[in-house]
Amino acid sequence: MDKNLIFEIIEKIKGTKIEEVEFETEEGRIKIRQYVGPKKEVVSAPQQIVELKEESKPVSPAESQEKKTEKYHVIKSPLVGTFYRAPSPGAPPFVEEGDIVSKGQVLCIIEALKVMNEIESDINGRVVKILVENGQPVEFGQELFYIEPT
């Protein structure tokens, strides 16, 4: 097989988003792979509503009746991986507690097998609580965010 042809193909795909080229001739079969960086996948998170009770010190019975139970939408991890609040080290986080988010807005990234999976909000609302620290491992189904629907 002509080496010049192989090198010419390599040069042609360099810098493109072509990941793999495969061809066959009478002389043999050639497969050329190019690393184009980590792939990003958008993964929707499972939905659940949870009641979050405010924890406080013991209070009088009159005050305890006023204690509110809020209902929040829960964003859970759709896969096992490492939780990241920002797109890169040193970058500002996607969201902070108290931020208003829209459906489809990226909340965090979970890295699994060198693939950066963007986790998006599936409702409009306000981020009430971020339950995981940056860089921490997460399990499938682990609660990540509480969002108050708006």
Protein backbone atom coordinates (compact mmCIF):
# COMPACT_ATOMS: atom_id res chain seq x y z
CA MET A 1 0.00 0.00 0.00
CA ASP A 2 1.28 3.47 -0.88
CA LYS A 3 2.59 5.25 2.25
CA ASN A 4 2.19 8.64 0.60
CA LEU A 5 -1.55 8.02 0.20
CA ILE A 6 -1.86 7.18 3.90
CA PHE A 7 0.08 10.29 4.96
CA GLU A 8 -1.99 12.41 2.59
CA ILE A 9 -5.23 11.16 4.20
CA ILE A 10 -3.83 11.85 7.67
CA GLU A 11 -2.94 15.41 6.65
CA LYS A 12 -6.41 15.96 5.12
CA ILE A 13 -8.30 14.98 8.30
CA LYS A 14 -5.93 16.80 10.68
CA GLY A 15 -7.75 19.71 12.33
CA THR A 16 -11.20 18.52 11.20
CA LYS A 17 -13.91 16.90 13.28
CA ILE A 18 -13.51 13.66 11.37
CA GLU A 19 -12.74 11.00 13.96
CA GLU A 20 -12.23 7.92 11.82
CA VAL A 21 -11.53 7.00 8.20
CA GLU A 22 -11.54 3.42 6.97
CA PHE A 23 -10.89 2.16 3.46
CA GLU A 24 -10.01 -1.06 1.73
CA THR A 25 -7.95 -1.74 -1.40
CA GLU A 26 -6.74 -4.87 -3.09
CA GLU A 27 -3.57 -4.61 -1.00
CA GLY A 28 -5.28 -4.39 2.38
CA ARG A 29 -7.50 -2.50 4.74
CA ILE A 30 -6.59 0.76 6.55
CA LYS A 31 -8.32 2.45 9.49
CA ILE A 32 -7.13 5.89 10.66
CA ARG A 33 -8.43 7.34 13.92
CA GLN A 34 -7.98 10.89 15.14
CA TYR A 35 -8.54 12.08 18.71
CA VAL A 36 -10.76 15.17 18.59
CA GLY A 37 -11.12 15.78 22.33
CA PRO A 38 -13.65 14.72 24.95
CA LYS A 39 -17.20 14.38 23.77
CA LYS A 40 -19.99 16.34 25.45
CA GLU A 41 -23.32 14.70 26.04
CA VAL A 42 -26.47 16.32 27.33
CA VAL A 43 -28.20 14.06 29.81
CA SER A 44 -31.61 14.77 31.29
CA ALA A 45 -31.89 14.11 34.99
CA PRO A 46 -34.64 12.02 36.64
CA GLN A 47 -37.44 14.05 38.23
CA GLN A 48 -38.72 13.94 41.80
CA ILE A 49 -40.44 16.29 44.24
CA VAL A 50 -39.11 16.38 47.81
CA GLU A 51 -40.27 18.14 50.92
CA LEU A 52 -37.53 20.08 52.68
CA LYS A 53 -38.24 20.94 56.30
CA GLU A 54 -36.45 23.84 57.89
CA GLU A 55 -34.36 22.57 60.79
CA SER A 56 -34.32 24.81 63.83
CA LYS A 57 -33.72 24.80 67.55
CA PRO A 58 -36.61 23.81 69.84
CA VAL A 59 -39.28 26.53 69.90
CA SER A 60 -42.59 27.14 71.61
CA PRO A 61 -45.64 25.17 70.41
CA ALA A 62 -47.18 28.31 68.86
CA GLU A 63 -44.05 28.92 66.79
CA SER A 64 -43.74 25.26 65.79
CA GLN A 65 -47.21 25.38 64.16
CA GLU A 66 -45.92 28.19 61.92
CA LYS A 67 -43.05 26.04 60.67
CA LYS A 68 -43.36 25.71 56.88
CA THR A 69 -42.78 22.66 54.80
CA GLU A 70 -41.68 23.64 51.29
CA LYS A 71 -41.94 21.43 48.21
CA TYR A 72 -38.95 21.47 45.89
CA HIS A 73 -38.16 19.85 42.57
CA VAL A 74 -35.14 17.53 42.84
CA ILE A 75 -32.48 17.22 40.14
CA LYS A 76 -30.76 13.83 40.48
CA SER A 77 -27.62 12.47 38.89
CA PRO A 78 -28.44 10.40 35.80
CA LEU A 79 -25.06 8.62 35.96
CA VAL A 80 -22.04 7.81 38.11
CA GLY A 81 -19.15 10.25 37.76
CA THR A 82 -17.46 13.38 39.09
CA PHE A 83 -19.56 16.50 39.76
CA TYR A 84 -18.29 19.87 38.50
CA ARG A 85 -20.06 23.18 39.14
CA ALA A 86 -18.11 25.08 36.43
CA PRO A 87 -17.14 24.38 32.81
CA SER A 88 -13.42 24.57 33.64
CA PRO A 89 -11.14 25.21 36.62
CA GLY A 90 -11.16 28.90 37.53
CA ALA A 91 -14.37 29.59 35.59
CA PRO A 92 -17.45 30.84 37.43
CA PRO A 93 -19.99 28.15 38.42
CA PHE A 94 -22.96 27.48 36.15
CA VAL A 95 -25.37 28.34 39.02
CA GLU A 96 -25.31 29.49 42.63
CA GLU A 97 -27.90 29.02 45.37
CA GLY A 98 -30.62 31.63 44.85
CA ASP A 99 -30.14 31.85 41.07
CA ILE A 100 -33.19 31.74 38.80
CA VAL A 101 -32.86 28.98 36.18
CA SER A 102 -34.76 28.18 32.99
CA LYS A 103 -35.71 24.82 31.57
CA GLY A 104 -32.74 23.55 29.54
CA GLN A 105 -30.16 25.70 31.38
CA VAL A 106 -26.96 23.84 32.29
CA LEU A 107 -26.63 23.37 36.06
CA CYS A 108 -23.42 21.34 36.24
CA ILE A 109 -21.22 18.81 34.48
CA ILE A 110 -20.76 15.19 35.45
CA GLU A 111 -17.61 13.68 34.01
CA ALA A 112 -17.75 9.95 33.34
CA LEU A 113 -15.06 8.07 31.39
CA LYS A 114 -13.54 11.37 30.17
CA VAL A 115 -16.91 12.45 28.72
CA MET A 116 -18.30 15.75 30.03
CA ASN A 117 -22.07 15.31 30.46
CA GLU A 118 -24.00 18.58 30.86
CA ILE A 119 -26.87 18.27 33.34
CA GLU A 120 -29.71 20.64 32.50
CA SER A 121 -32.65 21.93 34.51
CA ASP A 122 -35.92 20.35 33.47
CA ILE A 123 -38.05 23.13 34.99
CA ASN A 124 -38.05 26.90 35.48
CA GLY A 125 -37.33 27.89 39.06
CA ARG A 126 -34.92 29.11 41.72
CA VAL A 127 -31.96 27.05 42.95
CA VAL A 128 -32.62 26.56 46.67
CA LYS A 129 -29.84 24.16 47.58
CA ILE A 130 -26.77 22.66 45.89
CA LEU A 131 -26.20 19.32 47.60
CA VAL A 132 -22.79 18.30 46.19
CA GLU A 133 -19.38 19.93 46.47
CA ASN A 134 -17.30 20.65 43.37
CA GLY A 135 -15.06 17.73 42.34
CA GLN A 136 -16.94 15.17 44.44
CA PRO A 137 -17.93 11.75 43.07
CA VAL A 138 -21.67 11.18 42.59
CA GLU A 139 -23.75 8.03 42.27
CA PHE A 140 -26.65 7.30 39.95
CA GLY A 141 -29.82 8.83 41.40
CA GLN A 142 -27.96 10.98 43.94
CA GLU A 143 -29.71 14.29 44.67
CA LEU A 144 -27.78 17.23 43.24
CA PHE A 145 -30.06 20.29 43.40
CA TYR A 146 -33.32 21.43 45.01
CA ILE A 147 -35.20 23.83 42.75
CA GLU A 148 -38.26 25.84 43.79
CA PRO A 149 -40.63 25.90 40.79
CA THR A 150 -41.74 29.32 39.55
